[in-house]
Amino acid sequence: MSTLSKIEIPDGYHVIRFLDNSGDTPVLFRPDVEAEVKEAMDKWEEKMELGMKTFVLQTTDGGEGYVTRTLDPTTAVETVVSPIYVGG
């Protein structure tokens, strides 16, 4: 089974999913609730300081996914934050 499994995102919510050695930790928030957005974005900023990578999988306008170094929590419906893997 994949570490990144499908989760239900309730109507009106967005999610940032943090992947690490403990698995997949989703943080659900409503983009119109300032305290929830701040909590999610604070956690995202902590992970970015560790050198993680952000993938936006779903947007409010139904656009294609993309990799980013910034995050707009009002338009990114489903986001995955993952360590950068180095391989040979």
PDB file of N, CA and C in Angstrom:
ATOM      1  N   MET A   1       0.843  -1.192   0.000  1.00  0.00           N
ATOM      2  CA  MET A   1       0.000   0.000   0.000  1.00  0.00           C
ATOM      3  C   MET A   1       0.877   1.240   0.000  1.00  0.00           C
ATOM      4  N   SER A   2       0.486   2.216  -0.740  1.00  0.00           N
ATOM      5  CA  SER A   2       1.213   3.471  -0.838  1.00  0.00           C
ATOM      6  C   SER A   2       1.140   4.248   0.470  1.00  0.00           C
ATOM      7  N   THR A   3       2.211   4.980   0.784  1.00  0.00           N
ATOM      8  CA  THR A   3       2.179   5.858   1.945  1.00  0.00           C
ATOM      9  C   THR A   3       1.119   6.930   1.768  1.00  0.00           C
ATOM     10  N   LEU A   4       0.922   7.389   0.543  1.00  0.00           N
ATOM     11  CA  LEU A   4      -0.036   8.442   0.245  1.00  0.00           C
ATOM     12  C   LEU A   4      -1.344   7.804  -0.200  1.00  0.00           C
ATOM     13  N   SER A   5      -2.259   7.619   0.735  1.00  0.00           N
ATOM     14  CA  SER A   5      -3.537   7.018   0.409  1.00  0.00           C
ATOM     15  C   SER A   5      -4.572   8.115   0.183  1.00  0.00           C
ATOM     16  N   LYS A   6      -5.638   7.772  -0.462  1.00  0.00           N
ATOM     17  CA  LYS A   6      -6.705   8.729  -0.755  1.00  0.00           C
ATOM     18  C   LYS A   6      -7.430   9.055   0.549  1.00  0.00           C
ATOM     19  N   ILE A   7      -7.619  10.348   0.810  1.00  0.00           N
ATOM     20  CA  ILE A   7      -8.397  10.751   1.973  1.00  0.00           C
ATOM     21  C   ILE A   7      -9.576  11.594   1.504  1.00  0.00           C
ATOM     22  N   GLU A   8     -10.604  11.606   2.293  1.00  0.00           N
ATOM     23  CA  GLU A   8     -11.784  12.409   2.013  1.00  0.00           C
ATOM     24  C   GLU A   8     -11.532  13.833   2.505  1.00  0.00           C
ATOM     25  N   ILE A   9     -11.681  14.803   1.618  1.00  0.00           N
ATOM     26  CA  ILE A   9     -11.544  16.205   1.992  1.00  0.00           C
ATOM     27  C   ILE A   9     -12.963  16.759   2.100  1.00  0.00           C
ATOM     28  N   PRO A  10     -13.402  17.082   3.326  1.00  0.00           N
ATOM     29  CA  PRO A  10     -14.773  17.590   3.484  1.00  0.00           C
ATOM     30  C   PRO A  10     -14.989  18.881   2.701  1.00  0.00           C
ATOM     31  N   ASP A  11     -16.220  19.104   2.266  1.00  0.00           N
ATOM     32  CA  ASP A  11     -16.557  20.335   1.555  1.00  0.00           C
ATOM     33  C   ASP A  11     -16.145  21.543   2.382  1.00  0.00           C
ATOM     34  N   GLY A  12     -15.533  22.507   1.715  1.00  0.00           N
ATOM     35  CA  GLY A  12     -15.125  23.734   2.374  1.00  0.00           C
ATOM     36  C   GLY A  12     -13.753  23.675   3.024  1.00  0.00           C
ATOM     37  N   TYR A  13     -13.111  22.505   2.996  1.00  0.00           N
ATOM     38  CA  TYR A  13     -11.797  22.333   3.604  1.00  0.00           C
ATOM     39  C   TYR A  13     -10.722  22.168   2.539  1.00  0.00           C
ATOM     40  N   HIS A  14      -9.503  22.501   2.915  1.00  0.00           N
ATOM     41  CA  HIS A  14      -8.298  22.218   2.134  1.00  0.00           C
ATOM     42  C   HIS A  14      -7.406  21.362   3.019  1.00  0.00           C
ATOM     43  N   VAL A  15      -6.407  20.724   2.424  1.00  0.00           N
ATOM     44  CA  VAL A  15      -5.529  19.857   3.206  1.00  0.00           C
ATOM     45  C   VAL A  15      -4.084  20.010   2.743  1.00  0.00           C
ATOM     46  N   ILE A  16      -3.186  20.025   3.715  1.00  0.00           N
ATOM     47  CA  ILE A  16      -1.752  19.897   3.445  1.00  0.00           C
ATOM     48  C   ILE A  16      -1.349  18.576   4.072  1.00  0.00           C
ATOM     49  N   ARG A  17      -0.752  17.697   3.255  1.00  0.00           N
ATOM     50  CA  ARG A  17      -0.345  16.373   3.729  1.00  0.00           C
ATOM     51  C   ARG A  17       1.170  16.350   3.851  1.00  0.00           C
ATOM     52  N   PHE A  18       1.641  16.070   5.059  1.00  0.00           N
ATOM     53  CA  PHE A  18       3.067  16.056   5.342  1.00  0.00           C
ATOM     54  C   PHE A  18       3.547  14.614   5.365  1.00  0.00           C
ATOM     55  N   LEU A  19       4.492  14.289   4.471  1.00  0.00           N
ATOM     56  CA  LEU A  19       5.062  12.949   4.407  1.00  0.00           C
ATOM     57  C   LEU A  19       6.422  12.958   5.085  1.00  0.00           C
ATOM     58  N   ASP A  20       6.662  11.944   5.904  1.00  0.00           N
ATOM     59  CA  ASP A  20       7.974  11.773   6.523  1.00  0.00           C
ATOM     60  C   ASP A  20       8.116  10.321   6.934  1.00  0.00           C
ATOM     61  N   ASN A  21       9.119  10.023   7.737  1.00  0.00           N
ATOM     62  CA  ASN A  21       9.358   8.621   8.098  1.00  0.00           C
ATOM     63  C   ASN A  21       8.260   8.026   8.977  1.00  0.00           C
ATOM     64  N   SER A  22       7.364   8.858   9.503  1.00  0.00           N
ATOM     65  CA  SER A  22       6.256   8.332  10.300  1.00  0.00           C
ATOM     66  C   SER A  22       5.001   8.114   9.455  1.00  0.00           C
ATOM     67  N   GLY A  23       5.040   8.526   8.192  1.00  0.00           N
ATOM     68  CA  GLY A  23       3.901   8.303   7.305  1.00  0.00           C
ATOM     69  C   GLY A  23       3.330   9.585   6.738  1.00  0.00           C
ATOM     70  N   ASP A  24       2.014   9.624   6.635  1.00  0.00           N
ATOM     71  CA  ASP A  24       1.265  10.704   5.999  1.00  0.00           C
ATOM     72  C   ASP A  24       0.431  11.399   7.076  1.00  0.00           C
ATOM     73  N   THR A  25       0.742  12.677   7.365  1.00  0.00           N
ATOM     74  CA  THR A  25       0.005  13.433   8.376  1.00  0.00           C
ATOM     75  C   THR A  25      -0.782  14.548   7.689  1.00  0.00           C
ATOM     76  N   PRO A  26      -2.114  14.384   7.581  1.00  0.00           N
ATOM     77  CA  PRO A  26      -2.904  15.429   6.946  1.00  0.00           C
ATOM     78  C   PRO A  26      -3.282  16.527   7.944  1.00  0.00           C
ATOM     79  N   VAL A  27      -3.230  17.777   7.485  1.00  0.00           N
ATOM     80  CA  VAL A  27      -3.685  18.918   8.270  1.00  0.00           C
ATOM     81  C   VAL A  27      -4.811  19.569   7.473  1.00  0.00           C
ATOM     82  N   LEU A  28      -6.039  19.406   7.962  1.00  0.00           N
ATOM     83  CA  LEU A  28      -7.208  19.981   7.311  1.00  0.00           C
ATOM     84  C   LEU A  28      -7.448  21.385   7.841  1.00  0.00           C
ATOM     85  N   PHE A  29      -7.864  22.283   6.948  1.00  0.00           N
ATOM     86  CA  PHE A  29      -8.179  23.642   7.371  1.00  0.00           C
ATOM     87  C   PHE A  29      -9.195  24.251   6.414  1.00  0.00           C
ATOM     88  N   ARG A  30      -9.930  25.236   6.921  1.00  0.00           N
ATOM     89  CA  ARG A  30     -10.857  25.992   6.084  1.00  0.00           C
ATOM     90  C   ARG A  30     -10.140  27.279   5.670  1.00  0.00           C
ATOM     91  N   PRO A  31     -10.063  27.538   4.359  1.00  0.00           N
ATOM     92  CA  PRO A  31      -9.294  28.684   3.884  1.00  0.00           C
ATOM     93  C   PRO A  31      -9.868  30.032   4.305  1.00  0.00           C
ATOM     94  N   ASP A  32     -11.094  30.054   4.812  1.00  0.00           N
ATOM     95  CA  ASP A  32     -11.695  31.305   5.258  1.00  0.00           C
ATOM     96  C   ASP A  32     -11.643  31.472   6.782  1.00  0.00           C
ATOM     97  N   VAL A  33     -10.944  30.557   7.475  1.00  0.00           N
ATOM     98  CA  VAL A  33     -10.795  30.648   8.925  1.00  0.00           C
ATOM     99  C   VAL A  33      -9.322  30.950   9.220  1.00  0.00           C
ATOM    100  N   GLU A  34      -9.055  32.190   9.553  1.00  0.00           N
ATOM    101  CA  GLU A  34      -7.686  32.693   9.688  1.00  0.00           C
ATOM    102  C   GLU A  34      -6.826  31.857  10.638  1.00  0.00           C
ATOM    103  N   ALA A  35      -7.347  31.472  11.775  1.00  0.00           N
ATOM    104  CA  ALA A  35      -6.555  30.703  12.742  1.00  0.00           C
ATOM    105  C   ALA A  35      -6.161  29.336  12.183  1.00  0.00           C
ATOM    106  N   GLU A  36      -7.055  28.694  11.452  1.00  0.00           N
ATOM    107  CA  GLU A  36      -6.753  27.386  10.861  1.00  0.00           C
ATOM    108  C   GLU A  36      -5.709  27.524   9.756  1.00  0.00           C
ATOM    109  N   VAL A  37      -5.835  28.565   8.940  1.00  0.00           N
ATOM    110  CA  VAL A  37      -4.862  28.811   7.872  1.00  0.00           C
ATOM    111  C   VAL A  37      -3.495  29.071   8.489  1.00  0.00           C
ATOM    112  N   LYS A  38      -3.445  29.892   9.533  1.00  0.00           N
ATOM    113  CA  LYS A  38      -2.170  30.206  10.177  1.00  0.00           C
ATOM    114  C   LYS A  38      -1.505  28.953  10.722  1.00  0.00           C
ATOM    115  N   GLU A  39      -2.275  28.100  11.386  1.00  0.00           N
ATOM    116  CA  GLU A  39      -1.715  26.862  11.937  1.00  0.00           C
ATOM    117  C   GLU A  39      -1.141  25.973  10.828  1.00  0.00           C
ATOM    118  N   ALA A  40      -1.878  25.812   9.746  1.00  0.00           N
ATOM    119  CA  ALA A  40      -1.417  24.981   8.626  1.00  0.00           C
ATOM    120  C   ALA A  40      -0.178  25.585   7.974  1.00  0.00           C
ATOM    121  N   MET A  41      -0.190  26.894   7.759  1.00  0.00           N
ATOM    122  CA  MET A  41       0.931  27.553   7.102  1.00  0.00           C
ATOM    123  C   MET A  41       2.175  27.587   7.996  1.00  0.00           C
ATOM    124  N   ASP A  42       2.004  27.720   9.307  1.00  0.00           N
ATOM    125  CA  ASP A  42       3.146  27.657  10.225  1.00  0.00           C
ATOM    126  C   ASP A  42       3.833  26.298  10.125  1.00  0.00           C
ATOM    127  N   LYS A  43       3.025  25.232  10.086  1.00  0.00           N
ATOM    128  CA  LYS A  43       3.595  23.892   9.963  1.00  0.00           C
ATOM    129  C   LYS A  43       4.285  23.734   8.605  1.00  0.00           C
ATOM    130  N   TRP A  44       3.666  24.254   7.540  1.00  0.00           N
ATOM    131  CA  TRP A  44       4.261  24.181   6.210  1.00  0.00           C
ATOM    132  C   TRP A  44       5.608  24.909   6.188  1.00  0.00           C
ATOM    133  N   GLU A  45       5.660  26.104   6.772  1.00  0.00           N
ATOM    134  CA  GLU A  45       6.907  26.870   6.792  1.00  0.00           C
ATOM    135  C   GLU A  45       8.006  26.138   7.561  1.00  0.00           C
ATOM    136  N   GLU A  46       7.651  25.471   8.671  1.00  0.00           N
ATOM    137  CA  GLU A  46       8.637  24.670   9.421  1.00  0.00           C
ATOM    138  C   GLU A  46       9.243  23.599   8.526  1.00  0.00           C
ATOM    139  N   LYS A  47       8.396  22.913   7.784  1.00  0.00           N
ATOM    140  CA  LYS A  47       8.877  21.829   6.911  1.00  0.00           C
ATOM    141  C   LYS A  47       9.716  22.367   5.757  1.00  0.00           C
ATOM    142  N   MET A  48       9.351  23.528   5.244  1.00  0.00           N
ATOM    143  CA  MET A  48      10.122  24.108   4.147  1.00  0.00           C
ATOM    144  C   MET A  48      11.526  24.496   4.625  1.00  0.00           C
ATOM    145  N   GLU A  49      11.650  24.937   5.873  1.00  0.00           N
ATOM    146  CA  GLU A  49      12.963  25.261   6.430  1.00  0.00           C
ATOM    147  C   GLU A  49      13.852  24.025   6.516  1.00  0.00           C
ATOM    148  N   LEU A  50      13.236  22.845   6.541  1.00  0.00           N
ATOM    149  CA  LEU A  50      13.988  21.585   6.565  1.00  0.00           C
ATOM    150  C   LEU A  50      14.365  21.122   5.159  1.00  0.00           C
ATOM    151  N   GLY A  51      13.966  21.890   4.149  1.00  0.00           N
ATOM    152  CA  GLY A  51      14.329  21.557   2.773  1.00  0.00           C
ATOM    153  C   GLY A  51      13.356  20.623   2.079  1.00  0.00           C
ATOM    154  N   MET A  52      12.123  20.583   2.543  1.00  0.00           N
ATOM    155  CA  MET A  52      11.139  19.708   1.911  1.00  0.00           C
ATOM    156  C   MET A  52      10.585  20.358   0.642  1.00  0.00           C
ATOM    157  N   LYS A  53       9.890  19.570  -0.159  1.00  0.00           N
ATOM    158  CA  LYS A  53       9.358  20.015  -1.441  1.00  0.00           C
ATOM    159  C   LYS A  53       7.827  19.999  -1.387  1.00  0.00           C
ATOM    160  N   THR A  54       7.196  20.972  -2.053  1.00  0.00           N
ATOM    161  CA  THR A  54       5.741  21.104  -2.051  1.00  0.00           C
ATOM    162  C   THR A  54       5.163  20.794  -3.423  1.00  0.00           C
ATOM    163  N   PHE A  55       4.146  19.935  -3.419  1.00  0.00           N
ATOM    164  CA  PHE A  55       3.427  19.556  -4.629  1.00  0.00           C
ATOM    165  C   PHE A  55       1.953  19.904  -4.434  1.00  0.00           C
ATOM    166  N   VAL A  56       1.411  20.767  -5.265  1.00  0.00           N
ATOM    167  CA  VAL A  56      -0.019  21.057  -5.217  1.00  0.00           C
ATOM    168  C   VAL A  56      -0.696  20.075  -6.173  1.00  0.00           C
ATOM    169  N   LEU A  57      -1.579  19.234  -5.641  1.00  0.00           N
ATOM    170  CA  LEU A  57      -2.238  18.208  -6.444  1.00  0.00           C
ATOM    171  C   LEU A  57      -3.573  18.655  -7.002  1.00  0.00           C
ATOM    172  N   GLN A  58      -4.279  19.505  -6.248  1.00  0.00           N
ATOM    173  CA  GLN A  58      -5.612  19.935  -6.654  1.00  0.00           C
ATOM    174  C   GLN A  58      -5.774  21.413  -6.312  1.00  0.00           C
ATOM    175  N   THR A  59      -6.365  22.170  -7.238  1.00  0.00           N
ATOM    176  CA  THR A  59      -6.585  23.603  -7.024  1.00  0.00           C
ATOM    177  C   THR A  59      -8.076  23.922  -7.100  1.00  0.00           C
ATOM    178  N   THR A  60      -8.443  25.080  -6.602  1.00  0.00           N
ATOM    179  CA  THR A  60      -9.851  25.480  -6.614  1.00  0.00           C
ATOM    180  C   THR A  60     -10.394  25.655  -8.028  1.00  0.00           C
ATOM    181  N   ASP A  61      -9.537  25.974  -8.983  1.00  0.00           N
ATOM    182  CA  ASP A  61     -10.001  26.160 -10.361  1.00  0.00           C
ATOM    183  C   ASP A  61      -9.897  24.897 -11.208  1.00  0.00           C
ATOM    184  N   GLY A  62      -9.516  23.784 -10.576  1.00  0.00           N
ATOM    185  CA  GLY A  62      -9.419  22.517 -11.305  1.00  0.00           C
ATOM    186  C   GLY A  62      -8.205  22.415 -12.204  1.00  0.00           C
ATOM    187  N   GLY A  63      -7.240  23.314 -12.022  1.00  0.00           N
ATOM    188  CA  GLY A  63      -6.032  23.304 -12.842  1.00  0.00           C
ATOM    189  C   GLY A  63      -5.155  22.094 -12.547  1.00  0.00           C
ATOM    190  N   GLU A  64      -4.131  21.934 -13.375  1.00  0.00           N
ATOM    191  CA  GLU A  64      -3.194  20.829 -13.206  1.00  0.00           C
ATOM    192  C   GLU A  64      -2.323  21.049 -11.981  1.00  0.00           C
ATOM    193  N   GLY A  65      -1.816  19.957 -11.434  1.00  0.00           N
ATOM    194  CA  GLY A  65      -0.922  20.035 -10.292  1.00  0.00           C
ATOM    195  C   GLY A  65       0.414  20.647 -10.669  1.00  0.00           C
ATOM    196  N   TYR A  66       1.146  21.090  -9.661  1.00  0.00           N
ATOM    197  CA  TYR A  66       2.442  21.718  -9.911  1.00  0.00           C
ATOM    198  C   TYR A  66       3.324  21.641  -8.671  1.00  0.00           C
ATOM    199  N   VAL A  67       4.611  21.813  -8.887  1.00  0.00           N
ATOM    200  CA  VAL A  67       5.598  21.877  -7.804  1.00  0.00           C
ATOM    201  C   VAL A  67       5.818  23.356  -7.514  1.00  0.00           C
ATOM    202  N   THR A  68       5.954  23.709  -6.226  1.00  0.00           N
ATOM    203  CA  THR A  68       6.097  25.117  -5.878  1.00  0.00           C
ATOM    204  C   THR A  68       6.990  25.316  -4.659  1.00  0.00           C
ATOM    205  N   ARG A  69       7.519  26.506  -4.514  1.00  0.00           N
ATOM    206  CA  ARG A  69       8.287  26.893  -3.327  1.00  0.00           C
ATOM    207  C   ARG A  69       7.496  27.892  -2.491  1.00  0.00           C
ATOM    208  N   THR A  70       6.315  28.268  -2.995  1.00  0.00           N
ATOM    209  CA  THR A  70       5.400  29.128  -2.249  1.00  0.00           C
ATOM    210  C   THR A  70       4.067  28.393  -2.182  1.00  0.00           C
ATOM    211  N   LEU A  71       3.190  28.831  -1.311  1.00  0.00           N
ATOM    212  CA  LEU A  71       1.907  28.137  -1.190  1.00  0.00           C
ATOM    213  C   LEU A  71       0.810  29.146  -0.913  1.00  0.00           C
ATOM    214  N   ASP A  72      -0.217  29.125  -1.744  1.00  0.00           N
ATOM    215  CA  ASP A  72      -1.393  29.950  -1.532  1.00  0.00           C
ATOM    216  C   ASP A  72      -2.483  29.038  -0.961  1.00  0.00           C
ATOM    217  N   PRO A  73      -2.741  29.119   0.339  1.00  0.00           N
ATOM    218  CA  PRO A  73      -3.701  28.202   0.961  1.00  0.00           C
ATOM    219  C   PRO A  73      -5.142  28.435   0.515  1.00  0.00           C
ATOM    220  N   THR A  74      -5.407  29.549  -0.155  1.00  0.00           N
ATOM    221  CA  THR A  74      -6.772  29.794  -0.619  1.00  0.00           C
ATOM    222  C   THR A  74      -7.079  29.095  -1.937  1.00  0.00           C
ATOM    223  N   THR A  75      -6.060  28.783  -2.733  1.00  0.00           N
ATOM    224  CA  THR A  75      -6.293  28.124  -4.025  1.00  0.00           C
ATOM    225  C   THR A  75      -5.805  26.682  -4.073  1.00  0.00           C
ATOM    226  N   ALA A  76      -4.894  26.294  -3.188  1.00  0.00           N
ATOM    227  CA  ALA A  76      -4.370  24.920  -3.164  1.00  0.00           C
ATOM    228  C   ALA A  76      -5.279  24.065  -2.287  1.00  0.00           C
ATOM    229  N   VAL A  77      -6.089  23.226  -2.902  1.00  0.00           N
ATOM    230  CA  VAL A  77      -7.043  22.400  -2.167  1.00  0.00           C
ATOM    231  C   VAL A  77      -6.351  21.203  -1.530  1.00  0.00           C
ATOM    232  N   GLU A  78      -5.511  20.508  -2.289  1.00  0.00           N
ATOM    233  CA  GLU A  78      -4.765  19.364  -1.753  1.00  0.00           C
ATOM    234  C   GLU A  78      -3.289  19.547  -2.082  1.00  0.00           C
ATOM    235  N   THR A  79      -2.481  19.558  -1.034  1.00  0.00           N
ATOM    236  CA  THR A  79      -1.048  19.789  -1.159  1.00  0.00           C
ATOM    237  C   THR A  79      -0.302  18.677  -0.444  1.00  0.00           C
ATOM    238  N   VAL A  80       0.814  18.254  -1.020  1.00  0.00           N
ATOM    239  CA  VAL A  80       1.675  17.249  -0.399  1.00  0.00           C
ATOM    240  C   VAL A  80       3.055  17.872  -0.174  1.00  0.00           C
ATOM    241  N   VAL A  81       3.572  17.702   1.027  1.00  0.00           N
ATOM    242  CA  VAL A  81       4.907  18.192   1.363  1.00  0.00           C
ATOM    243  C   VAL A  81       5.754  16.958   1.668  1.00  0.00           C
ATOM    244  N   SER A  82       6.860  16.823   0.947  1.00  0.00           N
ATOM    245  CA  SER A  82       7.659  15.605   1.015  1.00  0.00           C
ATOM    246  C   SER A  82       9.142  15.935   1.118  1.00  0.00           C
ATOM    247  N   PRO A  83       9.900  15.061   1.789  1.00  0.00           N
ATOM    248  CA  PRO A  83      11.343  15.238   1.770  1.00  0.00           C
ATOM    249  C   PRO A  83      11.852  15.115   0.334  1.00  0.00           C
ATOM    250  N   ILE A  84      12.976  15.731   0.071  1.00  0.00           N
ATOM    251  CA  ILE A  84      13.616  15.588  -1.233  1.00  0.00           C
ATOM    252  C   ILE A  84      14.470  14.333  -1.174  1.00  0.00           C
ATOM    253  N   TYR A  85      14.160  13.392  -2.024  1.00  0.00           N
ATOM    254  CA  TYR A  85      14.887  12.141  -2.045  1.00  0.00           C
ATOM    255  C   TYR A  85      16.039  12.224  -3.047  1.00  0.00           C
ATOM    256  N   VAL A  86      17.181  11.705  -2.652  1.00  0.00           N
ATOM    257  CA  VAL A  86      18.353  11.691  -3.508  1.00  0.00           C
ATOM    258  C   VAL A  86      18.697  10.228  -3.756  1.00  0.00           C
ATOM    259  N   GLY A  87      18.843   9.894  -5.003  1.00  0.00           N
ATOM    260  CA  GLY A  87      19.141   8.509  -5.320  1.00  0.00           C
ATOM    261  C   GLY A  87      20.124   8.409  -6.462  1.00  0.00           C
ATOM    262  N   GLY A  88      20.509   7.204  -6.760  1.00  0.00           N
ATOM    263  CA  GLY A  88      21.461   7.027  -7.832  1.00  0.00           C
ATOM    264  C   GLY A  88      20.973   6.100  -8.871  1.00  0.00           C
TER     265      GLY A  88
END
